[in-house]
């Protein structure tokens, strides 16, 4: 089961991401938007009740992120229906869109968006939004074209918030 933890930093945005990455060993993407960092966590949920999964997520991940002095607040979205492709993000531009849909269109919207080449992950989630989509393009202009295609060409989308990831750079060794 996938959880998306959206983090708001107190001040030094990049410092919050660095500490989450180094101290908690979690994958973090620094973004521009209403949140500062996106943390994607996969929880082993095989045969477990939702209570156990949420308890594990809360105790093992969210509480530790909240303890960091650079973190002001977290908003967690729990995926209840996930779809993924194998993304290649290094050297590419990517973004996350949080989507509010007309009810009961969440699955239909998610499935339509997931069928597009640029979309790498598309989850129906519990939280203030209904769907979270991660998409990848070669560059920033491509990202804006993809966003237009993704969001304006899809029936059932009411409102969106897009978080544009800081470009990832290959590690120099």
Protein backbone atom coordinates (compact mmCIF):
# COMPACT_ATOMS: atom_id res chain seq x y z
CA UNK A 1 0.00 0.00 0.00
CA UNK A 2 1.33 3.42 -0.96
CA UNK A 3 1.06 6.55 1.13
CA UNK A 4 1.87 10.06 -0.06
CA UNK A 5 3.08 12.41 2.69
CA UNK A 6 3.03 16.05 1.68
CA UNK A 7 5.36 18.10 3.88
CA UNK A 8 5.32 21.82 4.62
CA UNK A 9 8.69 23.12 5.82
CA UNK A 10 9.07 25.80 8.49
CA UNK A 11 11.80 27.71 6.68
CA UNK A 12 14.71 26.12 4.83
CA UNK A 13 12.72 23.97 2.42
CA UNK A 14 15.64 22.01 1.04
CA UNK A 15 16.93 21.31 4.55
CA UNK A 16 13.69 19.53 5.48
CA UNK A 17 14.05 17.25 2.47
CA UNK A 18 17.73 16.59 3.19
CA UNK A 19 16.98 15.57 6.79
CA UNK A 20 14.08 13.31 5.80
CA UNK A 21 16.34 11.70 3.19
CA UNK A 22 19.43 11.31 5.37
CA UNK A 23 18.03 10.62 8.84
CA UNK A 24 14.87 8.71 8.00
CA UNK A 25 16.15 7.16 4.74
CA UNK A 26 12.94 7.96 2.89
CA UNK A 27 12.60 8.95 -0.76
CA UNK A 28 11.83 12.66 -0.95
CA UNK A 29 11.07 14.94 -3.88
CA UNK A 30 11.40 18.70 -3.35
CA UNK A 31 8.60 20.55 -5.15
CA UNK A 32 7.25 24.00 -5.96
CA UNK A 33 3.63 24.38 -4.91
CA UNK A 34 1.44 24.33 -1.82
CA UNK A 35 3.72 21.69 -0.30
CA UNK A 36 7.52 21.71 -0.12
CA UNK A 37 8.37 18.01 -0.13
CA UNK A 38 6.64 14.85 -1.35
CA UNK A 39 7.49 11.62 0.47
CA UNK A 40 6.29 8.36 -1.06
CA UNK A 41 6.13 5.44 1.37
CA UNK A 42 5.22 1.85 0.58
CA UNK A 43 3.77 -0.05 3.52
CA UNK A 44 3.52 -3.83 3.62
CA UNK A 45 -0.19 -4.39 3.95
CA UNK A 46 -0.46 -8.05 3.01
CA UNK A 47 -3.28 -9.52 5.02
CA UNK A 48 -3.39 -6.63 7.48
CA UNK A 49 -6.31 -4.54 8.56
CA UNK A 50 -6.42 -0.86 7.65
CA UNK A 51 -6.02 0.03 11.35
CA UNK A 52 -2.68 -1.81 11.46
CA UNK A 53 -1.43 -0.17 8.27
CA UNK A 54 -2.43 3.31 9.41
CA UNK A 55 -0.96 2.67 12.87
CA UNK A 56 2.34 1.49 11.34
CA UNK A 57 2.46 4.47 8.99
CA UNK A 58 1.65 6.88 11.81
CA UNK A 59 4.14 5.41 14.31
CA UNK A 60 7.02 4.59 11.99
CA UNK A 61 6.94 7.39 9.47
CA UNK A 62 4.69 10.37 10.13
CA UNK A 63 5.67 10.80 13.79
CA UNK A 64 9.37 10.79 12.85
CA UNK A 65 8.87 13.36 10.09
CA UNK A 66 6.84 15.57 12.45
CA UNK A 67 9.68 15.50 15.01
CA UNK A 68 12.11 17.23 12.63
CA UNK A 69 12.48 20.90 13.53
CA UNK A 70 12.40 21.94 9.84
CA UNK A 71 8.92 20.43 9.36
CA UNK A 72 5.86 22.58 10.04
CA UNK A 73 3.10 20.16 9.00
CA UNK A 74 2.32 16.98 7.06
CA UNK A 75 -0.75 15.95 5.09
CA UNK A 76 -1.03 12.23 4.36
CA UNK A 77 -2.91 10.61 1.51
CA UNK A 78 -3.41 6.85 1.70
CA UNK A 79 -3.79 5.11 -1.66
CA UNK A 80 -6.76 2.77 -1.73
CA UNK A 81 -6.33 1.83 -5.40
CA UNK A 82 -2.87 2.14 -7.03
CA UNK A 83 -1.53 1.98 -10.56
CA UNK A 84 2.17 2.28 -11.47
CA UNK A 85 4.52 2.08 -14.43
CA UNK A 86 8.31 1.96 -14.11
CA UNK A 87 9.41 5.60 -14.24
CA UNK A 88 12.77 6.90 -15.36
CA UNK A 89 13.05 10.26 -13.61
CA UNK A 90 16.76 11.08 -13.64
CA UNK A 91 17.36 13.88 -16.11
CA UNK A 92 13.64 14.28 -16.69
CA UNK A 93 11.09 16.76 -15.39
CA UNK A 94 8.26 15.43 -13.28
CA UNK A 95 5.29 16.72 -11.33
CA UNK A 96 2.48 15.59 -9.09
CA UNK A 97 -1.13 16.63 -9.54
CA UNK A 98 -3.61 16.35 -6.69
CA UNK A 99 -7.06 16.09 -8.22
CA UNK A 100 -10.54 16.63 -6.85
CA UNK A 101 -13.12 14.80 -8.97
CA UNK A 102 -16.88 14.81 -9.31
CA UNK A 103 -18.34 11.85 -7.46
CA UNK A 104 -18.36 8.97 -8.28
CA UNK A 105 -15.82 9.63 -11.08
CA UNK A 106 -12.52 9.03 -9.21
CA UNK A 107 -11.82 5.62 -10.77
CA UNK A 108 -12.83 6.76 -14.25
CA UNK A 109 -10.61 9.88 -14.01
CA UNK A 110 -7.68 7.90 -12.60
CA UNK A 111 -7.93 5.21 -15.30
CA UNK A 112 -8.12 7.76 -18.12
CA UNK A 113 -5.09 9.65 -16.81
CA UNK A 114 -3.10 6.45 -16.25
CA UNK A 115 -3.61 5.47 -19.90
CA UNK A 116 -1.55 8.50 -21.00
CA UNK A 117 2.16 7.90 -21.73
CA UNK A 118 3.42 10.63 -19.40
CA UNK A 119 1.62 9.29 -16.32
CA UNK A 120 3.80 7.02 -14.19
CA UNK A 121 1.60 6.63 -11.10
CA UNK A 122 -2.09 7.26 -10.55
CA UNK A 123 -3.71 6.52 -7.21
CA UNK A 124 -7.18 6.91 -5.79
CA UNK A 125 -6.50 8.25 -2.30
CA UNK A 126 -8.13 9.02 1.03
CA UNK A 127 -7.63 12.65 1.97
CA UNK A 128 -8.63 16.14 0.86
CA UNK A 129 -8.14 15.14 -2.82
CA UNK A 130 -9.44 12.06 -4.66
CA UNK A 131 -6.60 11.19 -7.05
CA UNK A 132 -2.83 11.76 -7.06
CA UNK A 133 -1.01 11.48 -10.39
CA UNK A 134 2.75 11.58 -10.99
CA UNK A 135 3.83 12.33 -14.52
CA UNK A 136 7.19 12.63 -16.27
CA UNK A 137 8.36 14.47 -19.40
CA UNK A 138 11.71 15.31 -20.98
CA UNK A 139 11.62 19.01 -20.02
CA UNK A 140 9.59 21.79 -18.42
CA UNK A 141 7.73 22.88 -21.61
CA UNK A 142 6.77 19.22 -22.10
CA UNK A 143 5.50 19.13 -18.54
CA UNK A 144 3.16 22.06 -19.18
CA UNK A 145 1.87 20.43 -22.38
CA UNK A 146 1.30 17.16 -20.53
CA UNK A 147 -0.51 18.96 -17.72
CA UNK A 148 -2.84 20.62 -20.20
CA UNK A 149 -3.56 17.29 -21.87
CA UNK A 150 -3.98 15.49 -18.53
CA UNK A 151 -6.16 17.91 -16.71
CA UNK A 152 -8.11 19.96 -19.22
CA UNK A 153 -8.96 17.03 -21.45
CA UNK A 154 -10.43 14.87 -18.68
CA UNK A 155 -14.12 14.91 -17.79
CA UNK A 156 -14.82 14.73 -14.06
CA UNK A 157 -11.90 16.90 -12.90
CA UNK A 158 -13.19 19.64 -10.59
CA UNK A 159 -10.02 21.14 -9.13
CA UNK A 160 -6.28 20.43 -9.27
CA UNK A 161 -3.14 21.41 -7.43
CA UNK A 162 0.13 20.75 -9.22
CA UNK A 163 3.50 20.34 -7.54
CA UNK A 164 6.46 20.71 -9.92
CA UNK A 165 9.51 18.76 -8.82
CA UNK A 166 12.91 20.38 -8.61
CA UNK A 167 15.02 18.84 -11.40
CA UNK A 168 16.98 15.80 -10.27
CA UNK A 169 20.66 15.75 -11.07
CA UNK A 170 22.74 12.63 -11.57
CA UNK A 171 25.10 11.98 -8.65
CA UNK A 172 28.74 12.79 -9.33
CA UNK A 173 31.11 10.18 -7.94
